[in-house]
mmCIF file of all heavy atoms, coordinates in Angstrom:
data_MODEL
# 
_entry.id   MODEL 
# 
loop_
_atom_site.group_PDB 
_atom_site.id 
_atom_site.type_symbol 
_atom_site.label_atom_id 
_atom_site.label_alt_id 
_atom_site.label_comp_id 
_atom_site.label_asym_id 
_atom_site.label_entity_id 
_atom_site.label_seq_id 
_atom_site.pdbx_PDB_ins_code 
_atom_site.Cartn_x 
_atom_site.Cartn_y 
_atom_site.Cartn_z 
_atom_site.occupancy 
_atom_site.B_iso_or_equiv 
_atom_site.pdbx_formal_charge 
_atom_site.auth_seq_id 
_atom_site.auth_comp_id 
_atom_site.auth_asym_id 
_atom_site.auth_atom_id 
_atom_site.pdbx_PDB_model_num 
ATOM 1   N N   . GLU A 1 1  ? -201.298 137.475 -29.775 1.00 0.00 ? 1  GLU A N   1 
ATOM 2   C CA  . GLU A 1 1  ? -199.853 137.209 -29.714 1.00 0.00 ? 1  GLU A CA  1 
ATOM 3   C C   . GLU A 1 1  ? -199.547 135.791 -30.184 1.00 0.00 ? 1  GLU A C   1 
ATOM 4   O O   . GLU A 1 1  ? -198.576 135.563 -30.923 1.00 0.00 ? 1  GLU A O   1 
ATOM 5   C CB  . GLU A 1 1  ? -199.348 137.435 -28.288 1.00 0.00 ? 1  GLU A CB  1 
ATOM 6   C CG  . GLU A 1 1  ? -199.270 138.900 -27.909 1.00 0.00 ? 1  GLU A CG  1 
ATOM 7   C CD  . GLU A 1 1  ? -198.877 139.118 -26.452 1.00 0.00 ? 1  GLU A CD  1 
ATOM 8   O OE1 . GLU A 1 1  ? -198.934 138.145 -25.655 1.00 0.00 ? 1  GLU A OE1 1 
ATOM 9   O OE2 . GLU A 1 1  ? -198.526 140.251 -26.106 1.00 0.00 ? 1  GLU A OE2 1 
ATOM 10  N N   . ALA A 1 2  ? -200.354 134.827 -29.760 1.00 0.00 ? 2  ALA A N   1 
ATOM 11  C CA  . ALA A 1 2  ? -200.138 133.440 -30.175 1.00 0.00 ? 2  ALA A CA  1 
ATOM 12  C C   . ALA A 1 2  ? -200.268 133.293 -31.694 1.00 0.00 ? 2  ALA A C   1 
ATOM 13  O O   . ALA A 1 2  ? -199.600 132.457 -32.306 1.00 0.00 ? 2  ALA A O   1 
ATOM 14  C CB  . ALA A 1 2  ? -201.140 132.523 -29.479 1.00 0.00 ? 2  ALA A CB  1 
ATOM 15  N N   . LEU A 1 3  ? -201.099 134.154 -32.288 1.00 0.00 ? 3  LEU A N   1 
ATOM 16  C CA  . LEU A 1 3  ? -201.352 134.083 -33.721 1.00 0.00 ? 3  LEU A CA  1 
ATOM 17  C C   . LEU A 1 3  ? -200.383 134.926 -34.535 1.00 0.00 ? 3  LEU A C   1 
ATOM 18  O O   . LEU A 1 3  ? -200.579 135.121 -35.728 1.00 0.00 ? 3  LEU A O   1 
ATOM 19  C CB  . LEU A 1 3  ? -202.794 134.517 -34.007 1.00 0.00 ? 3  LEU A CB  1 
ATOM 20  C CG  . LEU A 1 3  ? -203.863 133.537 -33.491 1.00 0.00 ? 3  LEU A CG  1 
ATOM 21  C CD1 . LEU A 1 3  ? -205.228 134.187 -33.460 1.00 0.00 ? 3  LEU A CD1 1 
ATOM 22  C CD2 . LEU A 1 3  ? -203.885 132.275 -34.347 1.00 0.00 ? 3  LEU A CD2 1 
ATOM 23  N N   . GLY A 1 4  ? -199.344 135.450 -33.887 1.00 0.00 ? 4  GLY A N   1 
ATOM 24  C CA  . GLY A 1 4  ? -198.296 136.136 -34.623 1.00 0.00 ? 4  GLY A CA  1 
ATOM 25  C C   . GLY A 1 4  ? -198.438 137.640 -34.701 1.00 0.00 ? 4  GLY A C   1 
ATOM 26  O O   . GLY A 1 4  ? -197.884 138.265 -35.614 1.00 0.00 ? 4  GLY A O   1 
ATOM 27  N N   . TYR A 1 5  ? -199.140 138.260 -33.756 1.00 0.00 ? 5  TYR A N   1 
ATOM 28  C CA  . TYR A 1 5  ? -199.287 139.704 -33.735 1.00 0.00 ? 5  TYR A CA  1 
ATOM 29  C C   . TYR A 1 5  ? -198.500 140.315 -32.577 1.00 0.00 ? 5  TYR A C   1 
ATOM 30  O O   . TYR A 1 5  ? -198.416 139.731 -31.489 1.00 0.00 ? 5  TYR A O   1 
ATOM 31  C CB  . TYR A 1 5  ? -200.759 140.107 -33.584 1.00 0.00 ? 5  TYR A CB  1 
ATOM 32  C CG  . TYR A 1 5  ? -201.554 140.011 -34.862 1.00 0.00 ? 5  TYR A CG  1 
ATOM 33  C CD1 . TYR A 1 5  ? -202.061 138.790 -35.303 1.00 0.00 ? 5  TYR A CD1 1 
ATOM 34  C CD2 . TYR A 1 5  ? -201.776 141.136 -35.652 1.00 0.00 ? 5  TYR A CD2 1 
ATOM 35  C CE1 . TYR A 1 5  ? -202.781 138.695 -36.484 1.00 0.00 ? 5  TYR A CE1 1 
ATOM 36  C CE2 . TYR A 1 5  ? -202.505 141.054 -36.835 1.00 0.00 ? 5  TYR A CE2 1 
ATOM 37  C CZ  . TYR A 1 5  ? -203.003 139.831 -37.246 1.00 0.00 ? 5  TYR A CZ  1 
ATOM 38  O OH  . TYR A 1 5  ? -203.707 139.747 -38.422 1.00 0.00 ? 5  TYR A OH  1 
ATOM 39  N N   . GLU A 1 6  ? -197.929 141.483 -32.827 1.00 0.00 ? 6  GLU A N   1 
ATOM 40  C CA  . GLU A 1 6  ? -197.384 142.301 -31.746 1.00 0.00 ? 6  GLU A CA  1 
ATOM 41  C C   . GLU A 1 6  ? -198.551 143.098 -31.174 1.00 0.00 ? 6  GLU A C   1 
ATOM 42  O O   . GLU A 1 6  ? -199.230 143.818 -31.907 1.00 0.00 ? 6  GLU A O   1 
ATOM 43  C CB  . GLU A 1 6  ? -196.315 143.261 -32.262 1.00 0.00 ? 6  GLU A CB  1 
ATOM 44  C CG  . GLU A 1 6  ? -195.804 144.219 -31.202 1.00 0.00 ? 6  GLU A CG  1 
ATOM 45  C CD  . GLU A 1 6  ? -195.018 145.389 -31.770 1.00 0.00 ? 6  GLU A CD  1 
ATOM 46  O OE1 . GLU A 1 6  ? -194.681 145.354 -32.980 1.00 0.00 ? 6  GLU A OE1 1 
ATOM 47  O OE2 . GLU A 1 6  ? -194.781 146.351 -31.020 1.00 0.00 ? 6  GLU A OE2 1 
ATOM 48  N N   . VAL A 1 7  ? -198.778 142.979 -29.887 1.00 0.00 ? 7  VAL A N   1 
ATOM 49  C CA  . VAL A 1 7  ? -199.967 143.559 -29.265 1.00 0.00 ? 7  VAL A CA  1 
ATOM 50  C C   . VAL A 1 7  ? -199.576 144.656 -28.284 1.00 0.00 ? 7  VAL A C   1 
ATOM 51  O O   . VAL A 1 7  ? -198.664 144.491 -27.467 1.00 0.00 ? 7  VAL A O   1 
ATOM 52  C CB  . VAL A 1 7  ? -200.791 142.473 -28.530 1.00 0.00 ? 7  VAL A CB  1 
ATOM 53  C CG1 . VAL A 1 7  ? -202.002 143.094 -27.838 1.00 0.00 ? 7  VAL A CG1 1 
ATOM 54  C CG2 . VAL A 1 7  ? -201.235 141.391 -29.509 1.00 0.00 ? 7  VAL A CG2 1 
ATOM 55  N N   . GLN A 1 8  ? -200.287 145.778 -28.367 1.00 0.00 ? 8  GLN A N   1 
ATOM 56  C CA  . GLN A 1 8  ? -200.115 146.876 -27.432 1.00 0.00 ? 8  GLN A CA  1 
ATOM 57  C C   . GLN A 1 8  ? -201.474 147.225 -26.824 1.00 0.00 ? 8  GLN A C   1 
ATOM 58  O O   . GLN A 1 8  ? -202.478 147.270 -27.541 1.00 0.00 ? 8  GLN A O   1 
ATOM 59  C CB  . GLN A 1 8  ? -199.546 148.109 -28.140 1.00 0.00 ? 8  GLN A CB  1 
ATOM 60  C CG  . GLN A 1 8  ? -198.206 147.877 -28.819 1.00 0.00 ? 8  GLN A CG  1 
ATOM 61  C CD  . GLN A 1 8  ? -197.819 149.010 -29.743 1.00 0.00 ? 8  GLN A CD  1 
ATOM 62  O OE1 . GLN A 1 8  ? -198.655 149.823 -30.143 1.00 0.00 ? 8  GLN A OE1 1 
ATOM 63  N NE2 . GLN A 1 8  ? -196.544 149.080 -30.102 1.00 0.00 ? 8  GLN A NE2 1 
ATOM 64  N N   . MET A 1 9  ? -201.506 147.455 -25.519 1.00 0.00 ? 9  MET A N   1 
ATOM 65  C CA  . MET A 1 9  ? -202.703 147.936 -24.838 1.00 0.00 ? 9  MET A CA  1 
ATOM 66  C C   . MET A 1 9  ? -202.463 149.407 -24.488 1.00 0.00 ? 9  MET A C   1 
ATOM 67  O O   . MET A 1 9  ? -201.546 149.733 -23.720 1.00 0.00 ? 9  MET A O   1 
ATOM 68  C CB  . MET A 1 9  ? -202.977 147.121 -23.574 1.00 0.00 ? 9  MET A CB  1 
ATOM 69  C CG  . MET A 1 9  ? -203.236 145.643 -23.828 1.00 0.00 ? 9  MET A CG  1 
ATOM 70  S SD  . MET A 1 9  ? -204.866 145.352 -24.540 1.00 0.00 ? 9  MET A SD  1 
ATOM 71  C CE  . MET A 1 9  ? -204.792 143.562 -24.791 1.00 0.00 ? 9  MET A CE  1 
ATOM 72  N N   . LEU A 1 10 ? -203.273 150.302 -25.030 1.00 0.00 ? 10 LEU A N   1 
ATOM 73  C CA  . LEU A 1 10 ? -203.031 151.734 -24.914 1.00 0.00 ? 10 LEU A CA  1 
ATOM 74  C C   . LEU A 1 10 ? -204.270 152.460 -24.400 1.00 0.00 ? 10 LEU A C   1 
ATOM 75  O O   . LEU A 1 10 ? -205.395 151.963 -24.533 1.00 0.00 ? 10 LEU A O   1 
ATOM 76  C CB  . LEU A 1 10 ? -202.642 152.309 -26.282 1.00 0.00 ? 10 LEU A CB  1 
ATOM 77  C CG  . LEU A 1 10 ? -201.454 151.632 -26.977 1.00 0.00 ? 10 LEU A CG  1 
ATOM 78  C CD1 . LEU A 1 10 ? -201.403 152.034 -28.446 1.00 0.00 ? 10 LEU A CD1 1 
ATOM 79  C CD2 . LEU A 1 10 ? -200.154 151.983 -26.286 1.00 0.00 ? 10 LEU A CD2 1 
ATOM 80  N N   . GLU A 1 11 ? -204.058 153.643 -23.825 1.00 0.00 ? 11 GLU A N   1 
ATOM 81  C CA  . GLU A 1 11 ? -205.176 154.475 -23.397 1.00 0.00 ? 11 GLU A CA  1 
ATOM 82  C C   . GLU A 1 11 ? -205.686 155.253 -24.602 1.00 0.00 ? 11 GLU A C   1 
ATOM 83  O O   . GLU A 1 11 ? -204.960 156.041 -25.193 1.00 0.00 ? 11 GLU A O   1 
ATOM 84  C CB  . GLU A 1 11 ? -204.737 155.435 -22.292 1.00 0.00 ? 11 GLU A CB  1 
ATOM 85  C CG  . GLU A 1 11 ? -205.884 156.291 -21.767 1.00 0.00 ? 11 GLU A CG  1 
ATOM 86  C CD  . GLU A 1 11 ? -205.428 157.288 -20.710 1.00 0.00 ? 11 GLU A CD  1 
ATOM 87  O OE1 . GLU A 1 11 ? -204.667 158.209 -21.055 1.00 0.00 ? 11 GLU A OE1 1 
ATOM 88  O OE2 . GLU A 1 11 ? -205.837 157.145 -19.555 1.00 0.00 ? 11 GLU A OE2 1 
ATOM 89  N N   . PHE A 1 12 ? -206.949 155.032 -24.953 1.00 0.00 ? 12 PHE A N   1 
ATOM 90  C CA  . PHE A 1 12 ? -207.513 155.671 -26.136 1.00 0.00 ? 12 PHE A CA  1 
ATOM 91  C C   . PHE A 1 12 ? -207.783 157.151 -25.874 1.00 0.00 ? 12 PHE A C   1 
ATOM 92  O O   . PHE A 1 12 ? -207.242 158.030 -26.530 1.00 0.00 ? 12 PHE A O   1 
ATOM 93  C CB  . PHE A 1 12 ? -208.796 154.940 -26.546 1.00 0.00 ? 12 PHE A CB  1 
ATOM 94  C CG  . PHE A 1 12 ? -209.455 155.520 -27.770 1.00 0.00 ? 12 PHE A CG  1 
ATOM 95  C CD1 . PHE A 1 12 ? -208.703 156.013 -28.829 1.00 0.00 ? 12 PHE A CD1 1 
ATOM 96  C CD2 . PHE A 1 12 ? -210.828 155.564 -27.868 1.00 0.00 ? 12 PHE A CD2 1 
ATOM 97  C CE1 . PHE A 1 12 ? -209.309 156.540 -29.967 1.00 0.00 ? 12 PHE A CE1 1 
ATOM 98  C CE2 . PHE A 1 12 ? -211.448 156.079 -29.001 1.00 0.00 ? 12 PHE A CE2 1 
ATOM 99  C CZ  . PHE A 1 12 ? -210.686 156.570 -30.040 1.00 0.00 ? 12 PHE A CZ  1 
ATOM 100 N N   . ILE A 1 13 ? -208.644 157.444 -24.919 1.00 0.00 ? 13 ILE A N   1 
ATOM 101 C CA  . ILE A 1 13 ? -208.896 158.820 -24.497 1.00 0.00 ? 13 ILE A CA  1 
ATOM 102 C C   . ILE A 1 13 ? -208.969 158.839 -22.981 1.00 0.00 ? 13 ILE A C   1 
ATOM 103 O O   . ILE A 1 13 ? -209.033 157.800 -22.339 1.00 0.00 ? 13 ILE A O   1 
ATOM 104 C CB  . ILE A 1 13 ? -210.200 159.397 -25.098 1.00 0.00 ? 13 ILE A CB  1 
ATOM 105 C CG1 . ILE A 1 13 ? -211.387 158.473 -24.819 1.00 0.00 ? 13 ILE A CG1 1 
ATOM 106 C CG2 . ILE A 1 13 ? -210.045 159.654 -26.587 1.00 0.00 ? 13 ILE A CG2 1 
ATOM 107 C CD1 . ILE A 1 13 ? -212.700 159.025 -25.302 1.00 0.00 ? 13 ILE A CD1 1 
ATOM 108 N N   . ASP A 1 14 ? -208.951 160.021 -22.407 1.00 0.00 ? 14 ASP A N   1 
ATOM 109 C CA  . ASP A 1 14 ? -208.890 160.166 -20.959 1.00 0.00 ? 14 ASP A CA  1 
ATOM 110 C C   . ASP A 1 14 ? -210.069 159.483 -20.282 1.00 0.00 ? 14 ASP A C   1 
ATOM 111 O O   . ASP A 1 14 ? -211.201 159.512 -20.775 1.00 0.00 ? 14 ASP A O   1 
ATOM 112 C CB  . ASP A 1 14 ? -208.865 161.656 -20.589 1.00 0.00 ? 14 ASP A CB  1 
ATOM 113 C CG  . ASP A 1 14 ? -208.487 161.861 -19.135 1.00 0.00 ? 14 ASP A CG  1 
ATOM 114 O OD1 . ASP A 1 14 ? -209.401 161.835 -18.290 1.00 0.00 ? 14 ASP A OD1 1 
ATOM 115 O OD2 . ASP A 1 14 ? -207.293 162.037 -18.866 1.00 0.00 ? 14 ASP A OD2 1 
ATOM 116 N N   . MET A 1 15 ? -209.812 158.871 -19.132 1.00 0.00 ? 15 MET A N   1 
ATOM 117 C CA  . MET A 1 15 ? -210.827 158.153 -18.378 1.00 0.00 ? 15 MET A CA  1 
ATOM 118 C C   . MET A 1 15 ? -212.020 159.034 -17.989 1.00 0.00 ? 15 MET A C   1 
ATOM 119 O O   . MET A 1 15 ? -213.127 158.548 -17.765 1.00 0.00 ? 15 MET A O   1 
ATOM 120 C CB  . MET A 1 15 ? -210.202 157.555 -17.107 1.00 0.00 ? 15 MET A CB  1 
ATOM 121 C CG  . MET A 1 15 ? -211.125 156.656 -16.311 1.00 0.00 ? 15 MET A CG  1 
ATOM 122 S SD  . MET A 1 15 ? -211.460 155.087 -17.136 1.00 0.00 ? 15 MET A SD  1 
ATOM 123 C CE  . MET A 1 15 ? -209.949 154.202 -16.766 1.00 0.00 ? 15 MET A CE  1 
ATOM 124 N N   . THR A 1 16 ? -211.804 160.357 -17.915 1.00 0.00 ? 16 THR A N   1 
ATOM 125 C CA  . THR A 1 16 ? -212.902 161.251 -17.536 1.00 0.00 ? 16 THR A CA  1 
ATOM 126 C C   . THR A 1 16 ? -213.988 161.286 -18.603 1.00 0.00 ? 16 THR A C   1 
ATOM 127 O O   . THR A 1 16 ? -215.121 161.665 -18.329 1.00 0.00 ? 16 THR A O   1 
ATOM 128 C CB  . THR A 1 16 ? -212.387 162.679 -17.294 1.00 0.00 ? 16 THR A CB  1 
ATOM 129 O OG1 . THR A 1 16 ? -211.734 163.136 -18.497 1.00 0.00 ? 16 THR A OG1 1 
ATOM 130 C CG2 . THR A 1 16 ? -211.416 162.709 -16.148 1.00 0.00 ? 16 THR A CG2 1 
ATOM 131 N N   . HIS A 1 17 ? -213.661 160.903 -19.833 1.00 0.00 ? 17 HIS A N   1 
ATOM 132 C CA  . HIS A 1 17 ? -214.629 160.951 -20.920 1.00 0.00 ? 17 HIS A CA  1 
ATOM 133 C C   . HIS A 1 17 ? -215.393 159.641 -21.068 1.00 0.00 ? 17 HIS A C   1 
ATOM 134 O O   . HIS A 1 17 ? -216.557 159.632 -21.447 1.00 0.00 ? 17 HIS A O   1 
ATOM 135 C CB  . HIS A 1 17 ? -213.934 161.300 -22.235 1.00 0.00 ? 17 HIS A CB  1 
ATOM 136 C CG  . HIS A 1 17 ? -213.239 162.625 -22.198 1.00 0.00 ? 17 HIS A CG  1 
ATOM 137 N ND1 . HIS A 1 17 ? -213.924 163.814 -22.104 1.00 0.00 ? 17 HIS A ND1 1 
ATOM 138 C CD2 . HIS A 1 17 ? -211.928 162.945 -22.216 1.00 0.00 ? 17 HIS A CD2 1 
ATOM 139 C CE1 . HIS A 1 17 ? -213.064 164.822 -22.091 1.00 0.00 ? 17 HIS A CE1 1 
ATOM 140 N NE2 . HIS A 1 17 ? -211.843 164.317 -22.143 1.00 0.00 ? 17 HIS A NE2 1 
ATOM 141 N N   . THR A 1 18 ? -214.739 158.523 -20.821 1.00 0.00 ? 18 THR A N   1 
ATOM 142 C CA  . THR A 1 18 ? -215.392 157.223 -20.891 1.00 0.00 ? 18 THR A CA  1 
ATOM 143 C C   . THR A 1 18 ? -214.537 156.188 -20.173 1.00 0.00 ? 18 THR A C   1 
ATOM 144 O O   . THR A 1 18 ? -213.310 156.230 -20.265 1.00 0.00 ? 18 THR A O   1 
ATOM 145 C CB  . THR A 1 18 ? -215.614 156.759 -22.344 1.00 0.00 ? 18 THR A CB  1 
ATOM 146 O OG1 . THR A 1 18 ? -216.119 155.410 -22.328 1.00 0.00 ? 18 THR A OG1 1 
ATOM 147 C CG2 . THR A 1 18 ? -214.330 156.791 -23.148 1.00 0.00 ? 18 THR A CG2 1 
ATOM 148 N N   . PRO A 1 19 ? -215.158 155.255 -19.418 1.00 0.00 ? 19 PRO A N   1 
ATOM 149 C CA  . PRO A 1 19 ? -214.372 154.189 -18.782 1.00 0.00 ? 19 PRO A CA  1 
ATOM 150 C C   . PRO A 1 19 ? -213.910 153.147 -19.794 1.00 0.00 ? 19 PRO A C   1 
ATOM 151 O O   . PRO A 1 19 ? -213.034 152.354 -19.499 1.00 0.00 ? 19 PRO A O   1 
ATOM 152 C CB  . PRO A 1 19 ? -215.362 153.591 -17.779 1.00 0.00 ? 19 PRO A CB  1 
ATOM 153 C CG  . PRO A 1 19 ? -216.715 153.874 -18.363 1.00 0.00 ? 19 PRO A CG  1 
ATOM 154 C CD  . PRO A 1 19 ? -216.586 155.199 -19.060 1.00 0.00 ? 19 PRO A CD  1 
ATOM 155 N N   . LYS A 1 20 ? -214.499 153.129 -20.983 1.00 0.00 ? 20 LYS A N   1 
ATOM 156 C CA  . LYS A 1 20 ? -214.120 152.169 -22.021 1.00 0.00 ? 20 LYS A CA  1 
ATOM 157 C C   . LYS A 1 20 ? -213.032 152.803 -22.877 1.00 0.00 ? 20 LYS A C   1 
ATOM 158 O O   . LYS A 1 20 ? -213.257 153.235 -24.006 1.00 0.00 ? 20 LYS A O   1 
ATOM 159 C CB  . LYS A 1 20 ? -215.335 151.786 -22.876 1.00 0.00 ? 20 LYS A CB  1 
ATOM 160 C CG  . LYS A 1 20 ? -216.545 151.333 -22.061 1.00 0.00 ? 20 LYS A CG  1 
ATOM 161 C CD  . LYS A 1 20 ? -216.235 150.096 -21.211 1.00 0.00 ? 20 LYS A CD  1 
ATOM 162 C CE  . LYS A 1 20 ? -217.470 149.634 -20.429 1.00 0.00 ? 20 LYS A CE  1 
ATOM 163 N NZ  . LYS A 1 20 ? -217.175 148.480 -19.571 1.00 0.00 ? 20 LYS A NZ  1 
ATOM 164 N N   . ASN A 1 21 ? -211.833 152.876 -22.337 1.00 0.00 ? 21 ASN A N   1 
ATOM 165 C CA  . ASN A 1 21 ? -210.784 153.669 -22.988 1.00 0.00 ? 21 ASN A CA  1 
ATOM 166 C C   . ASN A 1 21 ? -209.530 152.869 -23.327 1.00 0.00 ? 21 ASN A C   1 
ATOM 167 O O   . ASN A 1 21 ? -208.485 153.444 -23.578 1.00 0.00 ? 21 ASN A O   1 
ATOM 168 C CB  . ASN A 1 21 ? -210.407 154.861 -22.105 1.00 0.00 ? 21 ASN A CB  1 
ATOM 169 C CG  . ASN A 1 21 ? -209.627 154.447 -20.875 1.00 0.00 ? 21 ASN A CG  1 
ATOM 170 O OD1 . ASN A 1 21 ? -209.737 153.322 -20.412 1.00 0.00 ? 21 ASN A OD1 1 
ATOM 171 N ND2 . ASN A 1 21 ? -208.833 155.351 -20.351 1.00 0.00 ? 21 ASN A ND2 1 
ATOM 172 N N   . VAL A 1 22 ? -209.632 151.541 -23.326 1.00 0.00 ? 22 VAL A N   1 
ATOM 173 C CA  . VAL A 1 22 ? -208.482 150.712 -23.677 1.00 0.00 ? 22 VAL A CA  1 
ATOM 174 C C   . VAL A 1 22 ? -208.493 150.440 -25.180 1.00 0.00 ? 22 VAL A C   1 
ATOM 175 O O   . VAL A 1 22 ? -209.492 149.959 -25.723 1.00 0.00 ? 22 VAL A O   1 
ATOM 176 C CB  . VAL A 1 22 ? -208.492 149.383 -22.902 1.00 0.00 ? 22 VAL A CB  1 
ATOM 177 C CG1 . VAL A 1 22 ? -207.386 148.460 -23.412 1.00 0.00 ? 22 VAL A CG1 1 
ATOM 178 C CG2 . VAL A 1 22 ? -208.320 149.640 -21.413 1.00 0.00 ? 22 VAL A CG2 1 
ATOM 179 N N   . LEU A 1 23 ? -207.405 150.767 -25.839 1.00 0.00 ? 23 LEU A N   1 
ATOM 180 C CA  . LEU A 1 23 ? -207.249 150.456 -27.258 1.00 0.00 ? 23 LEU A CA  1 
ATOM 181 C C   . LEU A 1 23 ? -206.316 149.266 -27.407 1.00 0.00 ? 23 LEU A C   1 
ATOM 182 O O   . LEU A 1 23 ? -205.190 149.281 -26.910 1.00 0.00 ? 23 LEU A O   1 
ATOM 183 C CB  . LEU A 1 23 ? -206.664 151.659 -28.009 1.00 0.00 ? 23 LEU A CB  1 
ATOM 184 C CG  . LEU A 1 23 ? -206.260 151.391 -29.467 1.00 0.00 ? 23 LEU A CG  1 
ATOM 185 C CD1 . LEU A 1 23 ? -207.496 151.259 -30.345 1.00 0.00 ? 23 LEU A CD1 1 
ATOM 186 C CD2 . LEU A 1 23 ? -205.355 152.501 -29.998 1.00 0.00 ? 23 LEU A CD2 1 
ATOM 187 N N   . ILE A 1 24 ? -206.789 148.230 -28.090 1.00 0.00 ? 24 ILE A N   1 
ATOM 188 C CA  . ILE A 1 24 ? -205.941 147.102 -28.458 1.00 0.00 ? 24 ILE A CA  1 
ATOM 189 C C   . ILE A 1 24 ? -205.389 147.391 -29.849 1.00 0.00 ? 24 ILE A C   1 
ATOM 190 O O   . ILE A 1 24 ? -206.151 147.469 -30.816 1.00 0.00 ? 24 ILE A O   1 
ATOM 191 C CB  . ILE A 1 24 ? -206.729 145.777 -28.463 1.00 0.00 ? 24 ILE A CB  1 
ATOM 192 C CG1 . ILE A 1 24 ? -207.377 145.520 -27.095 1.00 0.00 ? 24 ILE A CG1 1 
ATOM 193 C CG2 . ILE A 1 24 ? -205.818 144.613 -28.858 1.00 0.00 ? 24 ILE A CG2 1 
ATOM 194 C CD1 . ILE A 1 24 ? -208.305 144.317 -27.079 1.00 0.00 ? 24 ILE A CD1 1 
ATOM 195 N N   . ARG A 1 25 ? -204.083 147.582 -29.938 1.00 0.00 ? 25 ARG A N   1 
ATOM 196 C CA  . ARG A 1 25 ? -203.452 147.824 -31.239 1.00 0.00 ? 25 ARG A CA  1 
ATOM 197 C C   . ARG A 1 25 ? -202.529 146.649 -31.537 1.00 0.00 ? 25 ARG A C   1 
ATOM 198 O O   . ARG A 1 25 ? -201.654 146.321 -30.736 1.00 0.00 ? 25 ARG A O   1 
ATOM 199 C CB  . ARG A 1 25 ? -202.671 149.135 -31.234 1.00 0.00 ? 25 ARG A CB  1 
ATOM 200 C CG  . ARG A 1 25 ? -202.075 149.472 -32.603 1.00 0.00 ? 25 ARG A CG  1 
ATOM 201 C CD  . ARG A 1 25 ? -201.581 150.902 -32.661 1.00 0.00 ? 25 ARG A CD  1 
ATOM 202 N NE  . ARG A 1 25 ? -200.412 151.136 -31.830 1.00 0.00 ? 25 ARG A NE  1 
ATOM 203 C CZ  . ARG A 1 25 ? -199.838 152.330 -31.661 1.00 0.00 ? 25 ARG A CZ  1 
ATOM 204 N NH1 . ARG A 1 25 ? -200.347 153.390 -32.265 1.00 0.00 ? 25 ARG A NH1 1 
ATOM 205 N NH2 . ARG A 1 25 ? -198.782 152.466 -30.880 1.00 0.00 ? 25 ARG A NH2 1 
ATOM 206 N N   . ALA A 1 26 ? -202.736 146.021 -32.681 1.00 0.00 ? 26 ALA A N   1 
ATOM 207 C CA  . ALA A 1 26 ? -201.977 144.814 -33.021 1.00 0.00 ? 26 ALA A CA  1 
ATOM 208 C C   . ALA A 1 26 ? -201.402 144.930 -34.423 1.00 0.00 ? 26 ALA A C   1 
ATOM 209 O O   . ALA A 1 26 ? -202.090 145.353 -35.356 1.00 0.00 ? 26 ALA A O   1 
ATOM 210 C CB  . ALA A 1 26 ? -202.875 143.581 -32.917 1.00 0.00 ? 26 ALA A CB  1 
ATOM 211 N N   . PHE A 1 27 ? -200.132 144.540 -34.547 1.00 0.00 ? 27 PHE A N   1 
ATOM 212 C CA  . PHE A 1 27 ? -199.435 144.556 -35.829 1.00 0.00 ? 27 PHE A CA  1 
ATOM 213 C C   . PHE A 1 27 ? -199.058 143.114 -36.203 1.00 0.00 ? 27 PHE A C   1 
ATOM 214 O O   . PHE A 1 27 ? -198.477 142.395 -35.393 1.00 0.00 ? 27 PHE A O   1 
ATOM 215 C CB  . PHE A 1 27 ? -198.162 145.406 -35.758 1.00 0.00 ? 27 PHE A CB  1 
ATOM 216 C CG  . PHE A 1 27 ? -198.400 146.832 -35.344 1.00 0.00 ? 27 PHE A CG  1 
ATOM 217 C CD1 . PHE A 1 27 ? -197.673 147.392 -34.306 1.00 0.00 ? 27 PHE A CD1 1 
ATOM 218 C CD2 . PHE A 1 27 ? -199.351 147.606 -35.992 1.00 0.00 ? 27 PHE A CD2 1 
ATOM 219 C CE1 . PHE A 1 27 ? -197.876 148.715 -33.923 1.00 0.00 ? 27 PHE A CE1 1 
ATOM 220 C CE2 . PHE A 1 27 ? -199.560 148.924 -35.618 1.00 0.00 ? 27 PHE A CE2 1 
ATOM 221 C CZ  . PHE A 1 27 ? -198.829 149.487 -34.589 1.00 0.00 ? 27 PHE A CZ  1 
ATOM 222 N N   . LYS A 1 28 ? -199.367 142.736 -37.426 1.00 0.00 ? 28 LYS A N   1 
ATOM 223 C CA  . LYS A 1 28 ? -199.068 141.366 -37.864 1.00 0.00 ? 28 LYS A CA  1 
ATOM 224 C C   . LYS A 1 28 ? -197.576 141.179 -38.045 1.00 0.00 ? 28 LYS A C   1 
ATOM 225 O O   . LYS A 1 28 ? -196.904 141.986 -38.684 1.00 0.00 ? 28 LYS A O   1 
ATOM 226 C CB  . LYS A 1 28 ? -199.794 141.052 -39.178 1.00 0.00 ? 28 LYS A CB  1 
ATOM 227 C CG  . LYS A 1 28 ? -199.626 139.603 -39.630 1.00 0.00 ? 28 LYS A CG  1 
ATOM 228 C CD  . LYS A 1 28 ? -200.451 139.295 -40.868 1.00 0.00 ? 28 LYS A CD  1 
ATOM 229 C CE  . LYS A 1 28 ? -199.871 139.955 -42.104 1.00 0.00 ? 28 LYS A CE  1 
ATOM 230 N NZ  . LYS A 1 28 ? -200.570 139.532 -43.333 1.00 0.00 ? 28 LYS A NZ  1 
ATOM 231 N N   . GLU A 1 29 ? -197.055 140.110 -37.476 1.00 0.00 ? 29 GLU A N   1 
ATOM 232 C CA  . GLU A 1 29 ? -195.670 139.714 -37.685 1.00 0.00 ? 29 GLU A CA  1 
ATOM 233 C C   . GLU A 1 29 ? -195.689 138.429 -38.510 1.00 0.00 ? 29 GLU A C   1 
ATOM 234 O O   . GLU A 1 29 ? -196.422 138.331 -39.475 1.00 0.00 ? 29 GLU A O   1 
ATOM 235 C CB  . GLU A 1 29 ? -194.966 139.545 -36.335 1.00 0.00 ? 29 GLU A CB  1 
ATOM 236 C CG  . GLU A 1 29 ? -194.894 140.857 -35.546 1.00 0.00 ? 29 GLU A CG  1 
ATOM 237 C CD  . GLU A 1 29 ? -194.195 140.715 -34.212 1.00 0.00 ? 29 GLU A CD  1 
ATOM 238 O OE1 . GLU A 1 29 ? -194.452 139.727 -33.494 1.00 0.00 ? 29 GLU A OE1 1 
ATOM 239 O OE2 . GLU A 1 29 ? -193.382 141.590 -33.892 1.00 0.00 ? 29 GLU A OE2 1 
# 
């Protein structure tokens, strides 16, 4: 965000499949 990106933290796939399910999606502004 400090570097000029719009940042979203999203659920990638259901927690039952993997605990590592956070997707960082960033769009350059």
